[in-house]
């Protein structure tokens, strides 16, 4: 399996980092695009530069490289995950404004019928955000807000992050054991 992973300028870059780590552990090939704003947030939230993500991916593209392979529908990818997905990126995808590699690759996934998962990270949500989410859903994308659950009795932040990553893997049909699944209260 080969996935394009995009990390955009929303709080929660730890989700993108952990997703890349898990993909590497599971033997999933990843290609990466990091937005300019995400680079600043990486420094702020993780105290690290973009290299921390680049080391985890098989191949990396600049966000303004509209000639990169993922910009074409003929390039073979099994899907795309934008993690975290800013509301600005969501808006570009919802409106079809493919003016950078992230929004263009997402547009390609939608037109080719490939999985597109947007791990949105914002609260509260405006009506514009919600309507953009509906548009992407109607076009075939999956909106997966970074909303961890608590039924698996997390003990630390990494358990909460792993829950969200596990949900992304579930949507993509990838087996994992990142969190304890709900058993209907009969454990």
C-alpha atoms as a PDB file:
ATOM      1  CA  UNK A   1       0.000   0.000   0.000  1.00  0.00           C
ATOM      2  CA  UNK A   2       1.223   3.498  -0.843  1.00  0.00           C
ATOM      3  CA  UNK A   3      -0.296   6.598   0.760  1.00  0.00           C
ATOM      4  CA  UNK A   4       0.285  10.286   0.265  1.00  0.00           C
ATOM      5  CA  UNK A   5       0.373  12.002   3.651  1.00  0.00           C
ATOM      6  CA  UNK A   6      -0.037  15.759   3.958  1.00  0.00           C
ATOM      7  CA  UNK A   7       0.593  17.694   7.149  1.00  0.00           C
ATOM      8  CA  UNK A   8      -1.046  21.119   7.087  1.00  0.00           C
ATOM      9  CA  UNK A   9      -1.086  24.177   9.287  1.00  0.00           C
ATOM     10  CA  UNK A  10      -3.489  23.152  12.002  1.00  0.00           C
ATOM     11  CA  UNK A  11      -2.617  22.459  15.602  1.00  0.00           C
ATOM     12  CA  UNK A  12      -2.022  18.758  16.153  1.00  0.00           C
ATOM     13  CA  UNK A  13       1.049  18.000  14.044  1.00  0.00           C
ATOM     14  CA  UNK A  14       1.690  15.184  16.515  1.00  0.00           C
ATOM     15  CA  UNK A  15      -1.060  13.289  14.680  1.00  0.00           C
ATOM     16  CA  UNK A  16       0.865  13.541  11.410  1.00  0.00           C
ATOM     17  CA  UNK A  17       4.102  12.450  13.026  1.00  0.00           C
ATOM     18  CA  UNK A  18       2.515   9.477  14.758  1.00  0.00           C
ATOM     19  CA  UNK A  19       0.636   8.435  11.606  1.00  0.00           C
ATOM     20  CA  UNK A  20       3.921   8.329   9.689  1.00  0.00           C
ATOM     21  CA  UNK A  21       5.547   6.314  12.495  1.00  0.00           C
ATOM     22  CA  UNK A  22       2.728   3.763  12.494  1.00  0.00           C
ATOM     23  CA  UNK A  23       2.751   3.493   8.698  1.00  0.00           C
ATOM     24  CA  UNK A  24       6.464   2.744   8.832  1.00  0.00           C
ATOM     25  CA  UNK A  25       5.910   0.092  11.526  1.00  0.00           C
ATOM     26  CA  UNK A  26       3.148  -1.513   9.435  1.00  0.00           C
ATOM     27  CA  UNK A  27       5.201  -1.494   6.240  1.00  0.00           C
ATOM     28  CA  UNK A  28       2.992   1.055   4.484  1.00  0.00           C
ATOM     29  CA  UNK A  29       4.856   3.150   1.933  1.00  0.00           C
ATOM     30  CA  UNK A  30       4.347   6.879   2.468  1.00  0.00           C
ATOM     31  CA  UNK A  31       5.015   9.991   0.462  1.00  0.00           C
ATOM     32  CA  UNK A  32       4.832  13.342   2.215  1.00  0.00           C
ATOM     33  CA  UNK A  33       3.902  16.969   1.655  1.00  0.00           C
ATOM     34  CA  UNK A  34       4.323  19.486   4.482  1.00  0.00           C
ATOM     35  CA  UNK A  35       2.697  22.910   4.167  1.00  0.00           C
ATOM     36  CA  UNK A  36       4.711  26.022   5.037  1.00  0.00           C
ATOM     37  CA  UNK A  37       2.436  26.762   7.995  1.00  0.00           C
ATOM     38  CA  UNK A  38       2.822  23.187   9.257  1.00  0.00           C
ATOM     39  CA  UNK A  39       6.586  23.737   9.350  1.00  0.00           C
ATOM     40  CA  UNK A  40       6.097  26.641  11.776  1.00  0.00           C
ATOM     41  CA  UNK A  41       3.654  24.634  13.887  1.00  0.00           C
ATOM     42  CA  UNK A  42       6.103  21.702  14.055  1.00  0.00           C
ATOM     43  CA  UNK A  43       8.662  24.047  15.621  1.00  0.00           C
ATOM     44  CA  UNK A  44       6.115  25.441  18.064  1.00  0.00           C
ATOM     45  CA  UNK A  45       4.344  22.224  19.131  1.00  0.00           C
ATOM     46  CA  UNK A  46       7.116  19.622  18.882  1.00  0.00           C
ATOM     47  CA  UNK A  47      10.244  21.780  19.014  1.00  0.00           C
ATOM     48  CA  UNK A  48      11.418  20.039  15.838  1.00  0.00           C
ATOM     49  CA  UNK A  49      11.940  20.952  12.209  1.00  0.00           C
ATOM     50  CA  UNK A  50      10.432  19.307   9.155  1.00  0.00           C
ATOM     51  CA  UNK A  51      13.266  16.757   9.132  1.00  0.00           C
ATOM     52  CA  UNK A  52      11.504  14.779  11.879  1.00  0.00           C
ATOM     53  CA  UNK A  53       8.708  14.029   9.390  1.00  0.00           C
ATOM     54  CA  UNK A  54      10.896  13.707   6.317  1.00  0.00           C
ATOM     55  CA  UNK A  55      12.905  10.903   7.981  1.00  0.00           C
ATOM     56  CA  UNK A  56       9.667   8.922   8.413  1.00  0.00           C
ATOM     57  CA  UNK A  57       8.503   9.142   4.798  1.00  0.00           C
ATOM     58  CA  UNK A  58       9.795   7.371   1.733  1.00  0.00           C
ATOM     59  CA  UNK A  59       9.625  10.470  -0.469  1.00  0.00           C
ATOM     60  CA  UNK A  60       8.854  14.140   0.134  1.00  0.00           C
ATOM     61  CA  UNK A  61       7.557  16.842  -2.194  1.00  0.00           C
ATOM     62  CA  UNK A  62       7.498  20.628  -1.751  1.00  0.00           C
ATOM     63  CA  UNK A  63       3.945  21.972  -1.356  1.00  0.00           C
ATOM     64  CA  UNK A  64       4.295  24.209  -4.421  1.00  0.00           C
ATOM     65  CA  UNK A  65       5.508  21.422  -6.760  1.00  0.00           C
ATOM     66  CA  UNK A  66       2.521  21.113  -9.065  1.00  0.00           C
ATOM     67  CA  UNK A  67       4.565  18.860 -11.347  1.00  0.00           C
ATOM     68  CA  UNK A  68       5.104  16.223  -8.649  1.00  0.00           C
ATOM     69  CA  UNK A  69       3.753  12.733  -9.416  1.00  0.00           C
ATOM     70  CA  UNK A  70       0.766  12.905  -6.973  1.00  0.00           C
ATOM     71  CA  UNK A  71      -0.606  15.853  -8.984  1.00  0.00           C
ATOM     72  CA  UNK A  72      -1.566  13.407 -11.745  1.00  0.00           C
ATOM     73  CA  UNK A  73      -4.354  10.855 -11.785  1.00  0.00           C
ATOM     74  CA  UNK A  74      -2.048   8.474 -13.650  1.00  0.00           C
ATOM     75  CA  UNK A  75       0.272   8.240 -10.625  1.00  0.00           C
ATOM     76  CA  UNK A  76      -0.497   5.142  -8.595  1.00  0.00           C
ATOM     77  CA  UNK A  77      -1.496   5.844  -5.003  1.00  0.00           C
ATOM     78  CA  UNK A  78      -3.839   3.905  -2.746  1.00  0.00           C
ATOM     79  CA  UNK A  79      -5.120   7.015  -1.014  1.00  0.00           C
ATOM     80  CA  UNK A  80      -4.307  10.242   0.776  1.00  0.00           C
ATOM     81  CA  UNK A  81      -4.469  11.305   4.407  1.00  0.00           C
ATOM     82  CA  UNK A  82      -4.296  14.964   5.417  1.00  0.00           C
ATOM     83  CA  UNK A  83      -3.336  14.910   9.077  1.00  0.00           C
ATOM     84  CA  UNK A  84      -3.958  17.393  10.570  1.00  0.00           C
ATOM     85  CA  UNK A  85      -6.141  19.154   8.037  1.00  0.00           C
ATOM     86  CA  UNK A  86      -6.538  22.898   8.472  1.00  0.00           C
ATOM     87  CA  UNK A  87      -9.824  24.593   7.695  1.00  0.00           C
ATOM     88  CA  UNK A  88      -8.042  26.505   4.920  1.00  0.00           C
ATOM     89  CA  UNK A  89      -7.007  23.236   3.257  1.00  0.00           C
ATOM     90  CA  UNK A  90     -10.518  21.851   3.720  1.00  0.00           C
ATOM     91  CA  UNK A  91     -11.915  24.984   2.055  1.00  0.00           C
ATOM     92  CA  UNK A  92      -9.595  24.642  -0.944  1.00  0.00           C
ATOM     93  CA  UNK A  93     -10.560  21.003  -1.413  1.00  0.00           C
ATOM     94  CA  UNK A  94     -14.284  21.707  -0.993  1.00  0.00           C
ATOM     95  CA  UNK A  95     -14.185  24.473  -3.601  1.00  0.00           C
ATOM     96  CA  UNK A  96     -11.933  22.628  -6.057  1.00  0.00           C
ATOM     97  CA  UNK A  97      -9.210  25.253  -5.750  1.00  0.00           C
ATOM     98  CA  UNK A  98      -6.243  23.049  -6.543  1.00  0.00           C
ATOM     99  CA  UNK A  99      -3.553  25.735  -6.291  1.00  0.00           C
ATOM    100  CA  UNK A 100      -0.913  23.745  -4.401  1.00  0.00           C
ATOM    101  CA  UNK A 101       0.190  20.124  -4.340  1.00  0.00           C
ATOM    102  CA  UNK A 102      -1.894  19.229  -1.275  1.00  0.00           C
ATOM    103  CA  UNK A 103      -5.196  20.510  -2.661  1.00  0.00           C
ATOM    104  CA  UNK A 104      -4.395  19.194  -6.155  1.00  0.00           C
ATOM    105  CA  UNK A 105      -3.508  15.697  -4.891  1.00  0.00           C
ATOM    106  CA  UNK A 106      -6.720  15.669  -2.837  1.00  0.00           C
ATOM    107  CA  UNK A 107      -8.664  16.719  -5.927  1.00  0.00           C
ATOM    108  CA  UNK A 108      -7.013  13.875  -7.862  1.00  0.00           C
ATOM    109  CA  UNK A 109      -8.009  11.357  -5.179  1.00  0.00           C
ATOM    110  CA  UNK A 110     -11.622  12.510  -5.363  1.00  0.00           C
ATOM    111  CA  UNK A 111     -11.787  12.421  -9.164  1.00  0.00           C
ATOM    112  CA  UNK A 112     -10.090   9.017  -9.287  1.00  0.00           C
ATOM    113  CA  UNK A 113     -12.326   7.572  -6.543  1.00  0.00           C
ATOM    114  CA  UNK A 114      -9.404   6.940  -4.201  1.00  0.00           C
ATOM    115  CA  UNK A 115      -9.704   7.199  -0.415  1.00  0.00           C
ATOM    116  CA  UNK A 116      -9.185  10.723   0.896  1.00  0.00           C
ATOM    117  CA  UNK A 117      -9.197  11.132   4.686  1.00  0.00           C
ATOM    118  CA  UNK A 118      -9.156  14.599   6.237  1.00  0.00           C
ATOM    119  CA  UNK A 119      -8.276  14.617   9.937  1.00  0.00           C
ATOM    120  CA  UNK A 120      -9.729  18.011  10.694  1.00  0.00           C
ATOM    121  CA  UNK A 121      -8.544  19.894  13.734  1.00  0.00           C
ATOM    122  CA  UNK A 122     -10.504  22.975  14.742  1.00  0.00           C
ATOM    123  CA  UNK A 123     -13.052  23.955  17.340  1.00  0.00           C
ATOM    124  CA  UNK A 124     -15.598  25.423  17.379  1.00  0.00           C
ATOM    125  CA  UNK A 125     -16.705  24.936  13.794  1.00  0.00           C
ATOM    126  CA  UNK A 126     -18.372  27.676  11.790  1.00  0.00           C
ATOM    127  CA  UNK A 127     -21.176  27.062   9.328  1.00  0.00           C
ATOM    128  CA  UNK A 128     -18.633  27.531   6.523  1.00  0.00           C
ATOM    129  CA  UNK A 129     -16.449  24.746   7.990  1.00  0.00           C
ATOM    130  CA  UNK A 130     -19.434  22.428   8.309  1.00  0.00           C
ATOM    131  CA  UNK A 131     -20.658  23.127   4.784  1.00  0.00           C
ATOM    132  CA  UNK A 132     -17.146  22.502   3.423  1.00  0.00           C
ATOM    133  CA  UNK A 133     -17.062  19.183   5.272  1.00  0.00           C
ATOM    134  CA  UNK A 134     -20.388  18.203   3.715  1.00  0.00           C
ATOM    135  CA  UNK A 135     -19.111  19.127   0.230  1.00  0.00           C
ATOM    136  CA  UNK A 136     -15.995  16.980   0.641  1.00  0.00           C
ATOM    137  CA  UNK A 137     -18.093  14.101   2.010  1.00  0.00           C
ATOM    138  CA  UNK A 138     -20.503  14.303  -0.911  1.00  0.00           C
ATOM    139  CA  UNK A 139     -17.521  14.241  -3.289  1.00  0.00           C
ATOM    140  CA  UNK A 140     -16.286  11.004  -1.726  1.00  0.00           C
ATOM    141  CA  UNK A 141     -13.888  12.144   0.991  1.00  0.00           C
ATOM    142  CA  UNK A 142     -13.969  11.090   4.625  1.00  0.00           C
ATOM    143  CA  UNK A 143     -14.001  13.701   7.369  1.00  0.00           C
ATOM    144  CA  UNK A 144     -12.388  12.281  10.492  1.00  0.00           C
ATOM    145  CA  UNK A 145     -12.155  14.946  13.201  1.00  0.00           C
ATOM    146  CA  UNK A 146      -9.321  14.509  15.670  1.00  0.00           C
ATOM    147  CA  UNK A 147     -11.761  13.557  18.439  1.00  0.00           C
ATOM    148  CA  UNK A 148     -10.395  10.823  20.684  1.00  0.00           C
ATOM    149  CA  UNK A 149     -12.733   8.591  22.674  1.00  0.00           C
ATOM    150  CA  UNK A 150     -12.317   7.594  26.288  1.00  0.00           C
ATOM    151  CA  UNK A 151     -13.967   4.155  26.485  1.00  0.00           C
ATOM    152  CA  UNK A 152     -10.566   2.540  26.028  1.00  0.00           C
ATOM    153  CA  UNK A 153      -9.449   4.253  29.276  1.00  0.00           C
ATOM    154  CA  UNK A 154      -6.457   6.171  27.945  1.00  0.00           C
ATOM    155  CA  UNK A 155      -3.692   6.818  30.441  1.00  0.00           C
ATOM    156  CA  UNK A 156      -1.707   9.468  28.582  1.00  0.00           C
ATOM    157  CA  UNK A 157      -1.757  11.779  25.577  1.00  0.00           C
ATOM    158  CA  UNK A 158      -0.125   9.195  23.318  1.00  0.00           C
ATOM    159  CA  UNK A 159      -3.095   6.868  23.970  1.00  0.00           C
ATOM    160  CA  UNK A 160      -5.441   9.612  22.783  1.00  0.00           C
ATOM    161  CA  UNK A 161      -3.317  10.253  19.685  1.00  0.00           C
ATOM    162  CA  UNK A 162      -3.165   6.526  18.910  1.00  0.00           C
ATOM    163  CA  UNK A 163      -6.963   6.301  19.085  1.00  0.00           C
ATOM    164  CA  UNK A 164      -7.300   8.898  16.318  1.00  0.00           C
ATOM    165  CA  UNK A 165      -4.567   7.231  14.247  1.00  0.00           C
ATOM    166  CA  UNK A 166      -6.355   3.891  14.714  1.00  0.00           C
ATOM    167  CA  UNK A 167      -9.565   5.403  13.379  1.00  0.00           C
ATOM    168  CA  UNK A 168      -7.730   6.611  10.265  1.00  0.00           C
ATOM    169  CA  UNK A 169      -6.352   3.109   9.742  1.00  0.00           C
ATOM    170  CA  UNK A 170      -9.857   1.670  10.239  1.00  0.00           C
ATOM    171  CA  UNK A 171     -11.239   3.902   7.468  1.00  0.00           C
ATOM    172  CA  UNK A 172      -8.449   2.696   5.169  1.00  0.00           C
ATOM    173  CA  UNK A 173      -9.119  -0.953   6.051  1.00  0.00           C
ATOM    174  CA  UNK A 174      -5.725  -1.450   7.689  1.00  0.00           C
ATOM    175  CA  UNK A 175      -5.525  -3.848  10.652  1.00  0.00           C
ATOM    176  CA  UNK A 176      -3.942  -2.501  13.836  1.00  0.00           C
ATOM    177  CA  UNK A 177      -3.995  -2.778  17.607  1.00  0.00           C
ATOM    178  CA  UNK A 178      -3.538   0.867  18.578  1.00  0.00           C
ATOM    179  CA  UNK A 179      -6.470   0.927  20.976  1.00  0.00           C
ATOM    180  CA  UNK A 180      -8.755  -1.474  22.780  1.00  0.00           C
ATOM    181  CA  UNK A 181     -12.025  -1.753  20.879  1.00  0.00           C
ATOM    182  CA  UNK A 182     -15.421  -1.336  22.475  1.00  0.00           C
ATOM    183  CA  UNK A 183     -16.879  -4.615  23.684  1.00  0.00           C
ATOM    184  CA  UNK A 184     -20.311  -3.330  24.630  1.00  0.00           C
ATOM    185  CA  UNK A 185     -19.409  -2.881  28.274  1.00  0.00           C
ATOM    186  CA  UNK A 186     -19.095  -6.676  28.764  1.00  0.00           C
ATOM    187  CA  UNK A 187     -15.392  -6.999  29.436  1.00  0.00           C
END
